[in-house]
Amino acid sequence: MPRGSSPKRERQYEHIKESARDRGDSEKRAEEIAARTVNKERARVGESKTASRTSVEDMSSAKRGGQRSHKGAQGPTYDQLYEEARRRGVHGRSDMNKQQLRRALGDKD
């Protein structure tokens, strides 16, 4: 957790990490999931100095998790895939749909 994080975020991080471990994720993967989730929530409520567009404009991690629990894991959103493609410099990304972005990024369907 970042220096100066609130006790609430510390508890949130530990809870998410423990849940991921209970689902069978490795310790490293559980820590990554917890850190990303907490950082996204911090950005959404203005607790961080910087925030990506997807952190602020994308649906909250709580809402996304709730949808996943009913529909099954659907993977990253189109916007998340697009941002990753932009970061990696994938050419033609603006004309791609979600499945094409996944393939271009090397993700499995």
PDB file of N, CA and C in Angstrom:
ATOM      1  N   MET A   1       0.847  -1.183   0.000  1.00  0.00           N
ATOM      2  CA  MET A   1       0.000   0.000   0.000  1.00  0.00           C
ATOM      3  C   MET A   1       0.888   1.240   0.000  1.00  0.00           C
ATOM      4  N   PRO A   2       0.431   2.310  -0.669  1.00  0.00           N
ATOM      5  CA  PRO A   2       1.217   3.541  -0.689  1.00  0.00           C
ATOM      6  C   PRO A   2       1.366   4.132   0.700  1.00  0.00           C
ATOM      7  N   ARG A   3       2.457   4.838   0.887  1.00  0.00           N
ATOM      8  CA  ARG A   3       2.702   5.497   2.154  1.00  0.00           C
ATOM      9  C   ARG A   3       1.568   6.488   2.425  1.00  0.00           C
ATOM     10  N   GLY A   4       1.065   6.510   3.634  1.00  0.00           N
ATOM     11  CA  GLY A   4       0.010   7.451   3.997  1.00  0.00           C
ATOM     12  C   GLY A   4      -1.386   6.995   3.615  1.00  0.00           C
ATOM     13  N   SER A   5      -1.549   5.751   3.207  1.00  0.00           N
ATOM     14  CA  SER A   5      -2.890   5.290   2.850  1.00  0.00           C
ATOM     15  C   SER A   5      -3.731   5.158   4.113  1.00  0.00           C
ATOM     16  N   SER A   6      -5.009   5.271   3.954  1.00  0.00           N
ATOM     17  CA  SER A   6      -5.912   5.276   5.108  1.00  0.00           C
ATOM     18  C   SER A   6      -6.118   3.859   5.652  1.00  0.00           C
ATOM     19  N   PRO A   7      -6.503   3.760   6.907  1.00  0.00           N
ATOM     20  CA  PRO A   7      -6.802   2.440   7.481  1.00  0.00           C
ATOM     21  C   PRO A   7      -7.910   1.711   6.709  1.00  0.00           C
ATOM     22  N   LYS A   8      -8.858   2.476   6.179  1.00  0.00           N
ATOM     23  CA  LYS A   8      -9.933   1.871   5.398  1.00  0.00           C
ATOM     24  C   LYS A   8      -9.365   1.174   4.161  1.00  0.00           C
ATOM     25  N   ARG A   9      -8.459   1.834   3.459  1.00  0.00           N
ATOM     26  CA  ARG A   9      -7.860   1.247   2.255  1.00  0.00           C
ATOM     27  C   ARG A   9      -6.968   0.055   2.610  1.00  0.00           C
ATOM     28  N   GLU A  10      -6.307   0.122   3.751  1.00  0.00           N
ATOM     29  CA  GLU A  10      -5.504  -1.015   4.210  1.00  0.00           C
ATOM     30  C   GLU A  10      -6.401  -2.237   4.426  1.00  0.00           C
ATOM     31  N   ARG A  11      -7.536  -2.030   5.098  1.00  0.00           N
ATOM     32  CA  ARG A  11      -8.478  -3.134   5.338  1.00  0.00           C
ATOM     33  C   ARG A  11      -9.035  -3.658   4.022  1.00  0.00           C
ATOM     34  N   GLN A  12      -9.375  -2.731   3.133  1.00  0.00           N
ATOM     35  CA  GLN A  12      -9.916  -3.111   1.826  1.00  0.00           C
ATOM     36  C   GLN A  12      -8.890  -3.967   1.069  1.00  0.00           C
ATOM     37  N   TYR A  13      -7.636  -3.541   1.072  1.00  0.00           N
ATOM     38  CA  TYR A  13      -6.566  -4.278   0.396  1.00  0.00           C
ATOM     39  C   TYR A  13      -6.445  -5.699   0.951  1.00  0.00           C
ATOM     40  N   GLU A  14      -6.395  -5.816   2.268  1.00  0.00           N
ATOM     41  CA  GLU A  14      -6.256  -7.127   2.896  1.00  0.00           C
ATOM     42  C   GLU A  14      -7.451  -8.029   2.600  1.00  0.00           C
ATOM     43  N   HIS A  15      -8.651  -7.457   2.614  1.00  0.00           N
ATOM     44  CA  HIS A  15      -9.858  -8.235   2.345  1.00  0.00           C
ATOM     45  C   HIS A  15      -9.853  -8.758   0.903  1.00  0.00           C
ATOM     46  N   ILE A  16      -9.527  -7.903  -0.041  1.00  0.00           N
ATOM     47  CA  ILE A  16      -9.507  -8.304  -1.447  1.00  0.00           C
ATOM     48  C   ILE A  16      -8.423  -9.352  -1.679  1.00  0.00           C
ATOM     49  N   LYS A  17      -7.251  -9.136  -1.078  1.00  0.00           N
ATOM     50  CA  LYS A  17      -6.148 -10.088  -1.222  1.00  0.00           C
ATOM     51  C   LYS A  17      -6.537 -11.460  -0.662  1.00  0.00           C
ATOM     52  N   GLU A  18      -7.154 -11.459   0.497  1.00  0.00           N
ATOM     53  CA  GLU A  18      -7.575 -12.719   1.112  1.00  0.00           C
ATOM     54  C   GLU A  18      -8.631 -13.426   0.256  1.00  0.00           C
ATOM     55  N   SER A  19      -9.559 -12.667  -0.288  1.00  0.00           N
ATOM     56  CA  SER A  19     -10.598 -13.254  -1.150  1.00  0.00           C
ATOM     57  C   SER A  19      -9.982 -13.891  -2.386  1.00  0.00           C
ATOM     58  N   ALA A  20      -9.012 -13.205  -2.977  1.00  0.00           N
ATOM     59  CA  ALA A  20      -8.348 -13.746  -4.166  1.00  0.00           C
ATOM     60  C   ALA A  20      -7.589 -15.027  -3.823  1.00  0.00           C
ATOM     61  N   ARG A  21      -6.940 -15.054  -2.677  1.00  0.00           N
ATOM     62  CA  ARG A  21      -6.232 -16.261  -2.238  1.00  0.00           C
ATOM     63  C   ARG A  21      -7.224 -17.406  -2.012  1.00  0.00           C
ATOM     64  N   ASP A  22      -8.386 -17.098  -1.439  1.00  0.00           N
ATOM     65  CA  ASP A  22      -9.412 -18.120  -1.212  1.00  0.00           C
ATOM     66  C   ASP A  22      -9.924 -18.705  -2.525  1.00  0.00           C
ATOM     67  N   ARG A  23      -9.920 -17.898  -3.592  1.00  0.00           N
ATOM     68  CA  ARG A  23     -10.354 -18.374  -4.911  1.00  0.00           C
ATOM     69  C   ARG A  23      -9.283 -19.215  -5.590  1.00  0.00           C
ATOM     70  N   GLY A  24      -8.069 -19.238  -5.002  1.00  0.00           N
ATOM     71  CA  GLY A  24      -7.011 -20.062  -5.568  1.00  0.00           C
ATOM     72  C   GLY A  24      -5.945 -19.294  -6.312  1.00  0.00           C
ATOM     73  N   ASP A  25      -5.979 -17.962  -6.294  1.00  0.00           N
ATOM     74  CA  ASP A  25      -4.937 -17.181  -6.953  1.00  0.00           C
ATOM     75  C   ASP A  25      -3.643 -17.273  -6.145  1.00  0.00           C
ATOM     76  N   SER A  26      -2.527 -17.130  -6.826  1.00  0.00           N
ATOM     77  CA  SER A  26      -1.230 -17.132  -6.138  1.00  0.00           C
ATOM     78  C   SER A  26      -1.122 -15.882  -5.269  1.00  0.00           C
ATOM     79  N   GLU A  27      -0.167 -15.890  -4.364  1.00  0.00           N
ATOM     80  CA  GLU A  27       0.045 -14.734  -3.477  1.00  0.00           C
ATOM     81  C   GLU A  27       0.348 -13.481  -4.300  1.00  0.00           C
ATOM     82  N   LYS A  28       1.220 -13.629  -5.293  1.00  0.00           N
ATOM     83  CA  LYS A  28       1.593 -12.489  -6.138  1.00  0.00           C
ATOM     84  C   LYS A  28       0.385 -11.948  -6.899  1.00  0.00           C
ATOM     85  N   ARG A  29      -0.395 -12.844  -7.483  1.00  0.00           N
ATOM     86  CA  ARG A  29      -1.581 -12.427  -8.244  1.00  0.00           C
ATOM     87  C   ARG A  29      -2.614 -11.788  -7.318  1.00  0.00           C
ATOM     88  N   ALA A  30      -2.802 -12.342  -6.124  1.00  0.00           N
ATOM     89  CA  ALA A  30      -3.752 -11.782  -5.161  1.00  0.00           C
ATOM     90  C   ALA A  30      -3.339 -10.369  -4.758  1.00  0.00           C
ATOM     91  N   GLU A  31      -2.044 -10.156  -4.551  1.00  0.00           N
ATOM     92  CA  GLU A  31      -1.556  -8.821  -4.203  1.00  0.00           C
ATOM     93  C   GLU A  31      -1.779  -7.847  -5.350  1.00  0.00           C
ATOM     94  N   GLU A  32      -1.558  -8.310  -6.580  1.00  0.00           N
ATOM     95  CA  GLU A  32      -1.759  -7.443  -7.741  1.00  0.00           C
ATOM     96  C   GLU A  32      -3.228  -7.041  -7.872  1.00  0.00           C
ATOM     97  N   ILE A  33      -4.123  -8.001  -7.740  1.00  0.00           N
ATOM     98  CA  ILE A  33      -5.561  -7.720  -7.839  1.00  0.00           C
ATOM     99  C   ILE A  33      -5.976  -6.723  -6.767  1.00  0.00           C
ATOM    100  N   ALA A  34      -5.520  -6.954  -5.536  1.00  0.00           N
ATOM    101  CA  ALA A  34      -5.876  -6.074  -4.424  1.00  0.00           C
ATOM    102  C   ALA A  34      -5.339  -4.664  -4.654  1.00  0.00           C
ATOM    103  N   ALA A  35      -4.091  -4.556  -5.071  1.00  0.00           N
ATOM    104  CA  ALA A  35      -3.489  -3.239  -5.281  1.00  0.00           C
ATOM    105  C   ALA A  35      -4.200  -2.480  -6.397  1.00  0.00           C
ATOM    106  N   ARG A  36      -4.485  -3.162  -7.506  1.00  0.00           N
ATOM    107  CA  ARG A  36      -5.160  -2.494  -8.622  1.00  0.00           C
ATOM    108  C   ARG A  36      -6.563  -2.030  -8.221  1.00  0.00           C
ATOM    109  N   THR A  37      -7.266  -2.873  -7.498  1.00  0.00           N
ATOM    110  CA  THR A  37      -8.622  -2.524  -7.088  1.00  0.00           C
ATOM    111  C   THR A  37      -8.616  -1.334  -6.137  1.00  0.00           C
ATOM    112  N   VAL A  38      -7.761  -1.368  -5.139  1.00  0.00           N
ATOM    113  CA  VAL A  38      -7.693  -0.267  -4.168  1.00  0.00           C
ATOM    114  C   VAL A  38      -7.231   1.014  -4.853  1.00  0.00           C
ATOM    115  N   ASN A  39      -6.237   0.926  -5.726  1.00  0.00           N
ATOM    116  CA  ASN A  39      -5.767   2.119  -6.422  1.00  0.00           C
ATOM    117  C   ASN A  39      -6.852   2.717  -7.305  1.00  0.00           C
ATOM    118  N   LYS A  40      -7.653   1.867  -7.942  1.00  0.00           N
ATOM    119  CA  LYS A  40      -8.742   2.373  -8.770  1.00  0.00           C
ATOM    120  C   LYS A  40      -9.776   3.105  -7.910  1.00  0.00           C
ATOM    121  N   GLU A  41     -10.110   2.536  -6.774  1.00  0.00           N
ATOM    122  CA  GLU A  41     -11.083   3.186  -5.880  1.00  0.00           C
ATOM    123  C   GLU A  41     -10.530   4.499  -5.332  1.00  0.00           C
ATOM    124  N   ARG A  42      -9.234   4.519  -5.003  1.00  0.00           N
ATOM    125  CA  ARG A  42      -8.614   5.755  -4.527  1.00  0.00           C
ATOM    126  C   ARG A  42      -8.694   6.832  -5.603  1.00  0.00           C
ATOM    127  N   ALA A  43      -8.446   6.448  -6.863  1.00  0.00           N
ATOM    128  CA  ALA A  43      -8.508   7.413  -7.964  1.00  0.00           C
ATOM    129  C   ALA A  43      -9.932   7.905  -8.190  1.00  0.00           C
ATOM    130  N   ARG A  44     -10.896   7.013  -8.084  1.00  0.00           N
ATOM    131  CA  ARG A  44     -12.294   7.384  -8.318  1.00  0.00           C
ATOM    132  C   ARG A  44     -12.800   8.425  -7.322  1.00  0.00           C
ATOM    133  N   VAL A  45     -12.326   8.359  -6.080  1.00  0.00           N
ATOM    134  CA  VAL A  45     -12.818   9.289  -5.057  1.00  0.00           C
ATOM    135  C   VAL A  45     -11.853  10.444  -4.805  1.00  0.00           C
ATOM    136  N   GLY A  46     -10.800  10.567  -5.633  1.00  0.00           N
ATOM    137  CA  GLY A  46      -9.896  11.702  -5.527  1.00  0.00           C
ATOM    138  C   GLY A  46      -8.839  11.591  -4.441  1.00  0.00           C
ATOM    139  N   GLU A  47      -8.527  10.387  -3.992  1.00  0.00           N
ATOM    140  CA  GLU A  47      -7.511  10.198  -2.951  1.00  0.00           C
ATOM    141  C   GLU A  47      -6.102  10.089  -3.519  1.00  0.00           C
ATOM    142  N   SER A  48      -5.960   9.976  -4.833  1.00  0.00           N
ATOM    143  CA  SER A  48      -4.629   9.844  -5.429  1.00  0.00           C
ATOM    144  C   SER A  48      -4.296  11.108  -6.216  1.00  0.00           C
ATOM    145  N   LYS A  49      -3.005  11.334  -6.420  1.00  0.00           N
ATOM    146  CA  LYS A  49      -2.562  12.533  -7.133  1.00  0.00           C
ATOM    147  C   LYS A  49      -2.855  12.444  -8.628  1.00  0.00           C
ATOM    148  N   THR A  50      -2.740  11.255  -9.189  1.00  0.00           N
ATOM    149  CA  THR A  50      -2.994  11.058 -10.610  1.00  0.00           C
ATOM    150  C   THR A  50      -4.000   9.924 -10.784  1.00  0.00           C
ATOM    151  N   ALA A  51      -4.694   9.955 -11.913  1.00  0.00           N
ATOM    152  CA  ALA A  51      -5.678   8.908 -12.201  1.00  0.00           C
ATOM    153  C   ALA A  51      -5.818   8.756 -13.707  1.00  0.00           C
ATOM    154  N   SER A  52      -5.884   7.507 -14.168  1.00  0.00           N
ATOM    155  CA  SER A  52      -6.100   7.271 -15.593  1.00  0.00           C
ATOM    156  C   SER A  52      -7.572   7.484 -15.926  1.00  0.00           C
ATOM    157  N   ARG A  53      -7.834   7.666 -17.204  1.00  0.00           N
ATOM    158  CA  ARG A  53      -9.213   7.880 -17.655  1.00  0.00           C
ATOM    159  C   ARG A  53     -10.087   6.685 -17.303  1.00  0.00           C
ATOM    160  N   THR A  54      -9.566   5.467 -17.460  1.00  0.00           N
ATOM    161  CA  THR A  54     -10.376   4.292 -17.171  1.00  0.00           C
ATOM    162  C   THR A  54     -10.641   4.138 -15.681  1.00  0.00           C
ATOM    163  N   SER A  55      -9.707   4.590 -14.850  1.00  0.00           N
ATOM    164  CA  SER A  55      -9.933   4.506 -13.403  1.00  0.00           C
ATOM    165  C   SER A  55     -11.107   5.373 -12.991  1.00  0.00           C
ATOM    166  N   VAL A  56     -11.219   6.532 -13.618  1.00  0.00           N
ATOM    167  CA  VAL A  56     -12.242   7.500 -13.222  1.00  0.00           C
ATOM    168  C   VAL A  56     -13.555   7.281 -13.961  1.00  0.00           C
ATOM    169  N   GLU A  57     -13.486   6.987 -15.269  1.00  0.00           N
ATOM    170  CA  GLU A  57     -14.702   6.918 -16.077  1.00  0.00           C
ATOM    171  C   GLU A  57     -15.302   5.521 -16.181  1.00  0.00           C
ATOM    172  N   ASP A  58     -14.507   4.499 -16.002  1.00  0.00           N
ATOM    173  CA  ASP A  58     -14.992   3.124 -16.081  1.00  0.00           C
ATOM    174  C   ASP A  58     -15.879   2.841 -14.870  1.00  0.00           C
ATOM    175  N   MET A  59     -16.659   1.790 -14.930  1.00  0.00           N
ATOM    176  CA  MET A  59     -17.507   1.455 -13.784  1.00  0.00           C
ATOM    177  C   MET A  59     -16.656   1.104 -12.575  1.00  0.00           C
ATOM    178  N   SER A  60     -17.223   1.275 -11.401  1.00  0.00           N
ATOM    179  CA  SER A  60     -16.473   0.984 -10.181  1.00  0.00           C
ATOM    180  C   SER A  60     -16.157  -0.508 -10.110  1.00  0.00           C
ATOM    181  N   SER A  61     -15.100  -0.827  -9.397  1.00  0.00           N
ATOM    182  CA  SER A  61     -14.706  -2.228  -9.286  1.00  0.00           C
ATOM    183  C   SER A  61     -15.765  -3.035  -8.542  1.00  0.00           C
ATOM    184  N   ALA A  62     -16.476  -2.402  -7.610  1.00  0.00           N
ATOM    185  CA  ALA A  62     -17.541  -3.101  -6.890  1.00  0.00           C
ATOM    186  C   ALA A  62     -18.691  -3.463  -7.836  1.00  0.00           C
ATOM    187  N   LYS A  63     -19.061  -2.535  -8.695  1.00  0.00           N
ATOM    188  CA  LYS A  63     -20.144  -2.801  -9.649  1.00  0.00           C
ATOM    189  C   LYS A  63     -19.707  -3.858 -10.663  1.00  0.00           C
ATOM    190  N   ARG A  64     -18.484  -3.744 -11.126  1.00  0.00           N
ATOM    191  CA  ARG A  64     -17.973  -4.707 -12.102  1.00  0.00           C
ATOM    192  C   ARG A  64     -17.906  -6.104 -11.483  1.00  0.00           C
ATOM    193  N   GLY A  65     -17.455  -6.194 -10.243  1.00  0.00           N
ATOM    194  CA  GLY A  65     -17.398  -7.486  -9.564  1.00  0.00           C
ATOM    195  C   GLY A  65     -18.780  -8.091  -9.395  1.00  0.00           C
ATOM    196  N   GLY A  66     -19.751  -7.254  -9.085  1.00  0.00           N
ATOM    197  CA  GLY A  66     -21.124  -7.728  -8.945  1.00  0.00           C
ATOM    198  C   GLY A  66     -21.665  -8.277 -10.243  1.00  0.00           C
ATOM    199  N   GLN A  67     -21.354  -7.628 -11.343  1.00  0.00           N
ATOM    200  CA  GLN A  67     -21.802  -8.126 -12.642  1.00  0.00           C
ATOM    201  C   GLN A  67     -21.114  -9.437 -12.984  1.00  0.00           C
ATOM    202  N   ARG A  68     -19.842  -9.535 -12.662  1.00  0.00           N
ATOM    203  CA  ARG A  68     -19.112 -10.769 -12.963  1.00  0.00           C
ATOM    204  C   ARG A  68     -19.677 -11.942 -12.182  1.00  0.00           C
ATOM    205  N   SER A  69     -20.103 -11.683 -10.950  1.00  0.00           N
ATOM    206  CA  SER A  69     -20.586 -12.791 -10.140  1.00  0.00           C
ATOM    207  C   SER A  69     -21.884 -13.373 -10.693  1.00  0.00           C
ATOM    208  N   HIS A  70     -22.595 -12.607 -11.506  1.00  0.00           N
ATOM    209  CA  HIS A  70     -23.848 -13.095 -12.077  1.00  0.00           C
ATOM    210  C   HIS A  70     -23.687 -13.601 -13.507  1.00  0.00           C
ATOM    211  N   LYS A  71     -22.750 -13.032 -14.242  1.00  0.00           N
ATOM    212  CA  LYS A  71     -22.588 -13.389 -15.647  1.00  0.00           C
ATOM    213  C   LYS A  71     -21.352 -14.239 -15.904  1.00  0.00           C
ATOM    214  N   GLY A  72     -20.513 -14.420 -14.929  1.00  0.00           N
ATOM    215  CA  GLY A  72     -19.246 -15.099 -15.140  1.00  0.00           C
ATOM    216  C   GLY A  72     -18.190 -14.098 -15.569  1.00  0.00           C
ATOM    217  N   ALA A  73     -16.949 -14.475 -15.484  1.00  0.00           N
ATOM    218  CA  ALA A  73     -15.855 -13.571 -15.829  1.00  0.00           C
ATOM    219  C   ALA A  73     -15.903 -13.238 -17.312  1.00  0.00           C
ATOM    220  N   GLN A  74     -15.916 -11.969 -17.609  1.00  0.00           N
ATOM    221  CA  GLN A  74     -15.956 -11.507 -18.995  1.00  0.00           C
ATOM    222  C   GLN A  74     -14.651 -10.855 -19.404  1.00  0.00           C
ATOM    223  N   GLY A  75     -13.699 -10.809 -18.511  1.00  0.00           N
ATOM    224  CA  GLY A  75     -12.411 -10.218 -18.823  1.00  0.00           C
ATOM    225  C   GLY A  75     -12.447  -8.708 -18.792  1.00  0.00           C
ATOM    226  N   PRO A  76     -11.382  -8.083 -19.296  1.00  0.00           N
ATOM    227  CA  PRO A  76     -11.299  -6.632 -19.286  1.00  0.00           C
ATOM    228  C   PRO A  76     -12.363  -6.007 -20.189  1.00  0.00           C
ATOM    229  N   THR A  77     -12.735  -4.779 -19.870  1.00  0.00           N
ATOM    230  CA  THR A  77     -13.711  -4.067 -20.690  1.00  0.00           C
ATOM    231  C   THR A  77     -13.050  -3.613 -21.993  1.00  0.00           C
ATOM    232  N   TYR A  78     -13.862  -3.185 -22.948  1.00  0.00           N
ATOM    233  CA  TYR A  78     -13.334  -2.658 -24.202  1.00  0.00           C
ATOM    234  C   TYR A  78     -12.401  -1.486 -23.926  1.00  0.00           C
ATOM    235  N   ASP A  79     -12.834  -0.561 -23.058  1.00  0.00           N
ATOM    236  CA  ASP A  79     -12.013   0.611 -22.759  1.00  0.00           C
ATOM    237  C   ASP A  79     -10.670   0.221 -22.145  1.00  0.00           C
ATOM    238  N   GLN A  80     -10.674  -0.787 -21.274  1.00  0.00           N
ATOM    239  CA  GLN A  80      -9.417  -1.239 -20.680  1.00  0.00           C
ATOM    240  C   GLN A  80      -8.503  -1.851 -21.735  1.00  0.00           C
ATOM    241  N   LEU A  81      -9.069  -2.655 -22.628  1.00  0.00           N
ATOM    242  CA  LEU A  81      -8.284  -3.235 -23.708  1.00  0.00           C
ATOM    243  C   LEU A  81      -7.742  -2.153 -24.635  1.00  0.00           C
ATOM    244  N   TYR A  82      -8.579  -1.167 -24.940  1.00  0.00           N
ATOM    245  CA  TYR A  82      -8.162  -0.081 -25.827  1.00  0.00           C
ATOM    246  C   TYR A  82      -7.005   0.705 -25.213  1.00  0.00           C
ATOM    247  N   GLU A  83      -7.098   1.013 -23.934  1.00  0.00           N
ATOM    248  CA  GLU A  83      -6.029   1.750 -23.260  1.00  0.00           C
ATOM    249  C   GLU A  83      -4.728   0.951 -23.247  1.00  0.00           C
ATOM    250  N   GLU A  84      -4.833  -0.352 -23.029  1.00  0.00           N
ATOM    251  CA  GLU A  84      -3.645  -1.195 -23.060  1.00  0.00           C
ATOM    252  C   GLU A  84      -3.053  -1.217 -24.469  1.00  0.00           C
ATOM    253  N   ALA A  85      -3.900  -1.295 -25.484  1.00  0.00           N
ATOM    254  CA  ALA A  85      -3.428  -1.278 -26.873  1.00  0.00           C
ATOM    255  C   ALA A  85      -2.754   0.056 -27.181  1.00  0.00           C
ATOM    256  N   ARG A  86      -3.305   1.140 -26.671  1.00  0.00           N
ATOM    257  CA  ARG A  86      -2.695   2.468 -26.868  1.00  0.00           C
ATOM    258  C   ARG A  86      -1.314   2.520 -26.214  1.00  0.00           C
ATOM    259  N   ARG A  87      -1.232   1.994 -24.992  1.00  0.00           N
ATOM    260  CA  ARG A  87       0.057   1.987 -24.286  1.00  0.00           C
ATOM    261  C   ARG A  87       1.105   1.167 -25.038  1.00  0.00           C
ATOM    262  N   ARG A  88       0.660   0.070 -25.648  1.00  0.00           N
ATOM    263  CA  ARG A  88       1.600  -0.810 -26.372  1.00  0.00           C
ATOM    264  C   ARG A  88       1.832  -0.362 -27.813  1.00  0.00           C
ATOM    265  N   GLY A  89       1.093   0.643 -28.265  1.00  0.00           N
ATOM    266  CA  GLY A  89       1.283   1.150 -29.627  1.00  0.00           C
ATOM    267  C   GLY A  89       0.722   0.261 -30.705  1.00  0.00           C
ATOM    268  N   VAL A  90      -0.397  -0.419 -30.436  1.00  0.00           N
ATOM    269  CA  VAL A  90      -1.032  -1.290 -31.428  1.00  0.00           C
ATOM    270  C   VAL A  90      -1.655  -0.422 -32.523  1.00  0.00           C
ATOM    271  N   HIS A  91      -1.225  -0.644 -33.756  1.00  0.00           N
ATOM    272  CA  HIS A  91      -1.744   0.140 -34.882  1.00  0.00           C
ATOM    273  C   HIS A  91      -3.124  -0.374 -35.304  1.00  0.00           C
ATOM    274  N   GLY A  92      -4.012   0.528 -35.661  1.00  0.00           N
ATOM    275  CA  GLY A  92      -5.357   0.163 -36.101  1.00  0.00           C
ATOM    276  C   GLY A  92      -6.318  -0.112 -34.964  1.00  0.00           C
ATOM    277  N   ARG A  93      -5.933   0.210 -33.739  1.00  0.00           N
ATOM    278  CA  ARG A  93      -6.760  -0.112 -32.571  1.00  0.00           C
ATOM    279  C   ARG A  93      -8.116   0.589 -32.586  1.00  0.00           C
ATOM    280  N   SER A  94      -8.194   1.773 -33.182  1.00  0.00           N
ATOM    281  CA  SER A  94      -9.456   2.508 -33.160  1.00  0.00           C
ATOM    282  C   SER A  94     -10.529   1.838 -34.018  1.00  0.00           C
ATOM    283  N   ASP A  95     -10.109   0.987 -34.953  1.00  0.00           N
ATOM    284  CA  ASP A  95     -11.072   0.280 -35.809  1.00  0.00           C
ATOM    285  C   ASP A  95     -11.387  -1.124 -35.288  1.00  0.00           C
ATOM    286  N   MET A  96     -10.787  -1.511 -34.161  1.00  0.00           N
ATOM    287  CA  MET A  96     -10.953  -2.870 -33.652  1.00  0.00           C
ATOM    288  C   MET A  96     -12.098  -2.975 -32.653  1.00  0.00           C
ATOM    289  N   ASN A  97     -12.749  -4.143 -32.658  1.00  0.00           N
ATOM    290  CA  ASN A  97     -13.745  -4.424 -31.629  1.00  0.00           C
ATOM    291  C   ASN A  97     -13.046  -5.121 -30.457  1.00  0.00           C
ATOM    292  N   LYS A  98     -13.801  -5.497 -29.439  1.00  0.00           N
ATOM    293  CA  LYS A  98     -13.208  -6.072 -28.232  1.00  0.00           C
ATOM    294  C   LYS A  98     -12.423  -7.348 -28.537  1.00  0.00           C
ATOM    295  N   GLN A  99     -12.991  -8.237 -29.323  1.00  0.00           N
ATOM    296  CA  GLN A  99     -12.321  -9.498 -29.631  1.00  0.00           C
ATOM    297  C   GLN A  99     -11.028  -9.257 -30.411  1.00  0.00           C
ATOM    298  N   GLN A 100     -11.055  -8.314 -31.348  1.00  0.00           N
ATOM    299  CA  GLN A 100      -9.857  -8.011 -32.127  1.00  0.00           C
ATOM    300  C   GLN A 100      -8.766  -7.400 -31.247  1.00  0.00           C
ATOM    301  N   LEU A 101      -9.180  -6.542 -30.301  1.00  0.00           N
ATOM    302  CA  LEU A 101      -8.213  -5.962 -29.371  1.00  0.00           C
ATOM    303  C   LEU A 101      -7.576  -7.060 -28.520  1.00  0.00           C
ATOM    304  N   ARG A 102      -8.397  -7.997 -28.050  1.00  0.00           N
ATOM    305  CA  ARG A 102      -7.866  -9.117 -27.257  1.00  0.00           C
ATOM    306  C   ARG A 102      -6.807  -9.873 -28.047  1.00  0.00           C
ATOM    307  N   ARG A 103      -7.122 -10.175 -29.307  1.00  0.00           N
ATOM    308  CA  ARG A 103      -6.184 -10.928 -30.142  1.00  0.00           C
ATOM    309  C   ARG A 103      -4.898 -10.137 -30.367  1.00  0.00           C
ATOM    310  N   ALA A 104      -5.042  -8.839 -30.639  1.00  0.00           N
ATOM    311  CA  ALA A 104      -3.875  -7.988 -30.887  1.00  0.00           C
ATOM    312  C   ALA A 104      -2.974  -7.899 -29.661  1.00  0.00           C
ATOM    313  N   LEU A 105      -3.577  -7.980 -28.485  1.00  0.00           N
ATOM    314  CA  LEU A 105      -2.818  -7.913 -27.242  1.00  0.00           C
ATOM    315  C   LEU A 105      -2.324  -9.280 -26.790  1.00  0.00           C
ATOM    316  N   GLY A 106      -2.738 -10.320 -27.495  1.00  0.00           N
ATOM    317  CA  GLY A 106      -2.295 -11.665 -27.157  1.00  0.00           C
ATOM    318  C   GLY A 106      -3.093 -12.313 -26.034  1.00  0.00           C
ATOM    319  N   ASP A 107      -4.267 -11.762 -25.715  1.00  0.00           N
ATOM    320  CA  ASP A 107      -5.117 -12.341 -24.671  1.00  0.00           C
ATOM    321  C   ASP A 107      -5.913 -13.507 -25.246  1.00  0.00           C
ATOM    322  N   LYS A 108      -6.219 -14.464 -24.373  1.00  0.00           N
ATOM    323  CA  LYS A 108      -7.036 -15.605 -24.789  1.00  0.00           C
ATOM    324  C   LYS A 108      -8.497 -15.255 -24.652  1.00  0.00           C
ATOM    325  N   ASP A 109      -9.320 -15.754 -25.552  1.00  0.00           N
ATOM    326  CA  ASP A 109     -10.785 -15.508 -25.490  1.00  0.00           C
ATOM    327  C   ASP A 109     -11.445 -16.295 -24.418  1.00  0.00           C
TER     328      ASP A 109
END
